Amino acid sequence: MPNTPLQDTALGQLRDAVDQLKALAATTTDPAIYAAANDSEAQIQGRISALLNLQLASDTAAMQAQADRISETKSAFDSAVKNIAVANDLVTGAAKFLGAVDVLIKVASRLA
């Protein structure tokens, strides 16, 4: 079964976040930032797996309502990665982003 448009968008944003975290981990010399990037990447990979396992048939209004929130938090995540000064900024941005994705997964799980 093909992915829905919302699922494709969420997966694209999650995969983009993974790429950013891999790049950050590859270039940082700060062990705390390296660890935070790797931990966040592992959490995001778990969300990717959850979305792929759902194989949704259609987007619902409840899921679509989360789309803007995911985009907003992805922007904050992008900003944190670009302007990282301390590992805490990355962890906070990743946690908010993952929280929004978790809501989407919960809504979708109820429909699967």
C-alpha atoms as a PDB file:
ATOM      1  CA  MET A   1       0.000   0.000   0.000  1.00  0.00           C
ATOM      2  CA  PRO A   2       1.485   3.405  -0.929  1.00  0.00           C
ATOM      3  CA  ASN A   3       2.033   6.102   1.657  1.00  0.00           C
ATOM      4  CA  THR A   4      -0.456   8.933   2.026  1.00  0.00           C
ATOM      5  CA  PRO A   5       0.566  12.547   1.267  1.00  0.00           C
ATOM      6  CA  LEU A   6       0.802  13.398   4.964  1.00  0.00           C
ATOM      7  CA  GLN A   7       2.802  10.266   5.668  1.00  0.00           C
ATOM      8  CA  ASP A   8       5.168  11.135   2.804  1.00  0.00           C
ATOM      9  CA  THR A   9       5.616  14.657   4.198  1.00  0.00           C
ATOM     10  CA  ALA A  10       6.275  13.429   7.730  1.00  0.00           C
ATOM     11  CA  LEU A  11       8.705  10.765   6.507  1.00  0.00           C
ATOM     12  CA  GLY A  12      10.523  13.321   4.369  1.00  0.00           C
ATOM     13  CA  GLN A  13      10.927  15.688   7.291  1.00  0.00           C
ATOM     14  CA  LEU A  14      12.070  12.887   9.572  1.00  0.00           C
ATOM     15  CA  ARG A  15      14.619  11.655   7.020  1.00  0.00           C
ATOM     16  CA  ASP A  16      15.869  15.220   6.547  1.00  0.00           C
ATOM     17  CA  ALA A  17      16.317  15.513  10.312  1.00  0.00           C
ATOM     18  CA  VAL A  18      18.308  12.256  10.347  1.00  0.00           C
ATOM     19  CA  ASP A  19      20.585  13.590   7.612  1.00  0.00           C
ATOM     20  CA  GLN A  20      21.142  16.817   9.556  1.00  0.00           C
ATOM     21  CA  LEU A  21      21.965  14.922  12.735  1.00  0.00           C
ATOM     22  CA  LYS A  22      24.387  12.621  10.908  1.00  0.00           C
ATOM     23  CA  ALA A  23      26.144  15.655   9.443  1.00  0.00           C
ATOM     24  CA  LEU A  24      26.302  17.313  12.846  1.00  0.00           C
ATOM     25  CA  ALA A  25      27.716  14.181  14.489  1.00  0.00           C
ATOM     26  CA  ALA A  26      30.293  13.855  11.720  1.00  0.00           C
ATOM     27  CA  THR A  27      31.567  17.415  12.116  1.00  0.00           C
ATOM     28  CA  THR A  28      31.399  18.168  15.830  1.00  0.00           C
ATOM     29  CA  THR A  29      34.318  17.799  18.189  1.00  0.00           C
ATOM     30  CA  ASP A  30      32.110  18.201  21.269  1.00  0.00           C
ATOM     31  CA  PRO A  31      31.343  14.793  22.826  1.00  0.00           C
ATOM     32  CA  ALA A  32      28.050  16.034  24.326  1.00  0.00           C
ATOM     33  CA  ILE A  33      26.800  17.295  20.972  1.00  0.00           C
ATOM     34  CA  TYR A  34      27.926  14.068  19.298  1.00  0.00           C
ATOM     35  CA  ALA A  35      26.030  11.989  21.869  1.00  0.00           C
ATOM     36  CA  ALA A  36      22.920  14.170  21.660  1.00  0.00           C
ATOM     37  CA  ALA A  37      22.924  13.988  17.859  1.00  0.00           C
ATOM     38  CA  ASN A  38      23.248  10.196  17.895  1.00  0.00           C
ATOM     39  CA  ASP A  39      20.549   9.783  20.557  1.00  0.00           C
ATOM     40  CA  SER A  40      18.166  12.041  18.648  1.00  0.00           C
ATOM     41  CA  GLU A  41      18.886  10.208  15.408  1.00  0.00           C
ATOM     42  CA  ALA A  42      17.998   6.879  17.037  1.00  0.00           C
ATOM     43  CA  GLN A  43      14.715   8.313  18.326  1.00  0.00           C
ATOM     44  CA  ILE A  44      13.825   9.710  14.914  1.00  0.00           C
ATOM     45  CA  GLN A  45      14.638   6.384  13.243  1.00  0.00           C
ATOM     46  CA  GLY A  46      12.123   4.783  15.633  1.00  0.00           C
ATOM     47  CA  ARG A  47       9.435   7.231  14.483  1.00  0.00           C
ATOM     48  CA  ILE A  48      10.245   6.482  10.857  1.00  0.00           C
ATOM     49  CA  SER A  49       9.773   2.773  11.553  1.00  0.00           C
ATOM     50  CA  ALA A  50       6.476   3.425  13.344  1.00  0.00           C
ATOM     51  CA  LEU A  51       5.095   5.436  10.432  1.00  0.00           C
ATOM     52  CA  LEU A  52       6.222   2.862   7.888  1.00  0.00           C
ATOM     53  CA  ASN A  53       4.633   0.058   9.908  1.00  0.00           C
ATOM     54  CA  LEU A  54       1.262   1.822   9.984  1.00  0.00           C
ATOM     55  CA  GLN A  55       0.780   1.765   6.183  1.00  0.00           C
ATOM     56  CA  LEU A  56      -2.108   4.181   6.369  1.00  0.00           C
ATOM     57  CA  ALA A  57      -4.871   4.019   3.787  1.00  0.00           C
ATOM     58  CA  SER A  58      -5.787   7.700   3.996  1.00  0.00           C
ATOM     59  CA  ASP A  59      -5.097  10.908   5.860  1.00  0.00           C
ATOM     60  CA  THR A  60      -7.769  11.915   8.354  1.00  0.00           C
ATOM     61  CA  ALA A  61      -8.713  15.364   9.564  1.00  0.00           C
ATOM     62  CA  ALA A  62      -7.197  14.550  12.959  1.00  0.00           C
ATOM     63  CA  MET A  63      -3.906  13.621  11.310  1.00  0.00           C
ATOM     64  CA  GLN A  64      -3.951  16.631   9.006  1.00  0.00           C
ATOM     65  CA  ALA A  65      -4.407  18.902  12.017  1.00  0.00           C
ATOM     66  CA  GLN A  66      -0.948  17.771  13.150  1.00  0.00           C
ATOM     67  CA  ALA A  67       0.726  18.591   9.836  1.00  0.00           C
ATOM     68  CA  ASP A  68       1.190  22.297  10.616  1.00  0.00           C
ATOM     69  CA  ARG A  69       2.539  21.478  14.076  1.00  0.00           C
ATOM     70  CA  ILE A  70       5.067  19.074  12.590  1.00  0.00           C
ATOM     71  CA  SER A  71       6.208  21.695  10.071  1.00  0.00           C
ATOM     72  CA  GLU A  72       6.518  24.333  12.802  1.00  0.00           C
ATOM     73  CA  THR A  73       8.547  22.098  15.070  1.00  0.00           C
ATOM     74  CA  LYS A  74      10.697  20.935  12.137  1.00  0.00           C
ATOM     75  CA  SER A  75      11.586  24.575  11.477  1.00  0.00           C
ATOM     76  CA  ALA A  76      12.606  24.992  15.115  1.00  0.00           C
ATOM     77  CA  PHE A  77      14.626  21.789  14.884  1.00  0.00           C
ATOM     78  CA  ASP A  78      16.379  23.034  11.728  1.00  0.00           C
ATOM     79  CA  SER A  79      17.211  26.291  13.467  1.00  0.00           C
ATOM     80  CA  ALA A  80      18.607  24.500  16.504  1.00  0.00           C
ATOM     81  CA  VAL A  81      20.859  22.339  14.324  1.00  0.00           C
ATOM     82  CA  LYS A  82      22.127  25.355  12.359  1.00  0.00           C
ATOM     83  CA  ASN A  83      22.715  27.532  15.397  1.00  0.00           C
ATOM     84  CA  ILE A  84      23.767  24.923  17.911  1.00  0.00           C
ATOM     85  CA  ALA A  85      25.777  26.359  20.739  1.00  0.00           C
ATOM     86  CA  VAL A  86      25.156  23.636  23.304  1.00  0.00           C
ATOM     87  CA  ALA A  87      23.803  20.107  23.202  1.00  0.00           C
ATOM     88  CA  ASN A  88      20.741  21.203  25.197  1.00  0.00           C
ATOM     89  CA  ASP A  89      19.435  23.241  22.239  1.00  0.00           C
ATOM     90  CA  LEU A  90      19.548  20.145  20.048  1.00  0.00           C
ATOM     91  CA  VAL A  91      17.835  17.972  22.632  1.00  0.00           C
ATOM     92  CA  THR A  92      15.066  20.535  23.195  1.00  0.00           C
ATOM     93  CA  GLY A  93      14.443  21.010  19.467  1.00  0.00           C
ATOM     94  CA  ALA A  94      14.466  17.276  18.813  1.00  0.00           C
ATOM     95  CA  ALA A  95      12.127  16.584  21.746  1.00  0.00           C
ATOM     96  CA  LYS A  96       9.527  19.074  20.496  1.00  0.00           C
ATOM     97  CA  PHE A  97       9.762  17.709  16.961  1.00  0.00           C
ATOM     98  CA  LEU A  98       9.440  14.119  18.159  1.00  0.00           C
ATOM     99  CA  GLY A  99       6.510  15.060  20.397  1.00  0.00           C
ATOM    100  CA  ALA A 100       4.593  16.404  17.411  1.00  0.00           C
ATOM    101  CA  VAL A 101       5.383  13.277  15.400  1.00  0.00           C
ATOM    102  CA  ASP A 102       4.272  11.102  18.335  1.00  0.00           C
ATOM    103  CA  VAL A 103       0.843  12.763  18.306  1.00  0.00           C
ATOM    104  CA  LEU A 104       0.532  11.990  14.604  1.00  0.00           C
ATOM    105  CA  ILE A 105       1.537   8.367  15.221  1.00  0.00           C
ATOM    106  CA  LYS A 106      -0.995   8.018  18.055  1.00  0.00           C
ATOM    107  CA  VAL A 107      -3.801   9.348  15.858  1.00  0.00           C
ATOM    108  CA  ALA A 108      -2.765   7.081  13.012  1.00  0.00           C
ATOM    109  CA  SER A 109      -2.426   4.070  15.314  1.00  0.00           C
ATOM    110  CA  ARG A 110      -6.049   4.424  16.381  1.00  0.00           C
ATOM    111  CA  LEU A 111      -7.036   4.185  12.703  1.00  0.00           C
ATOM    112  CA  ALA A 112      -4.844   1.225  11.780  1.00  0.00           C
END
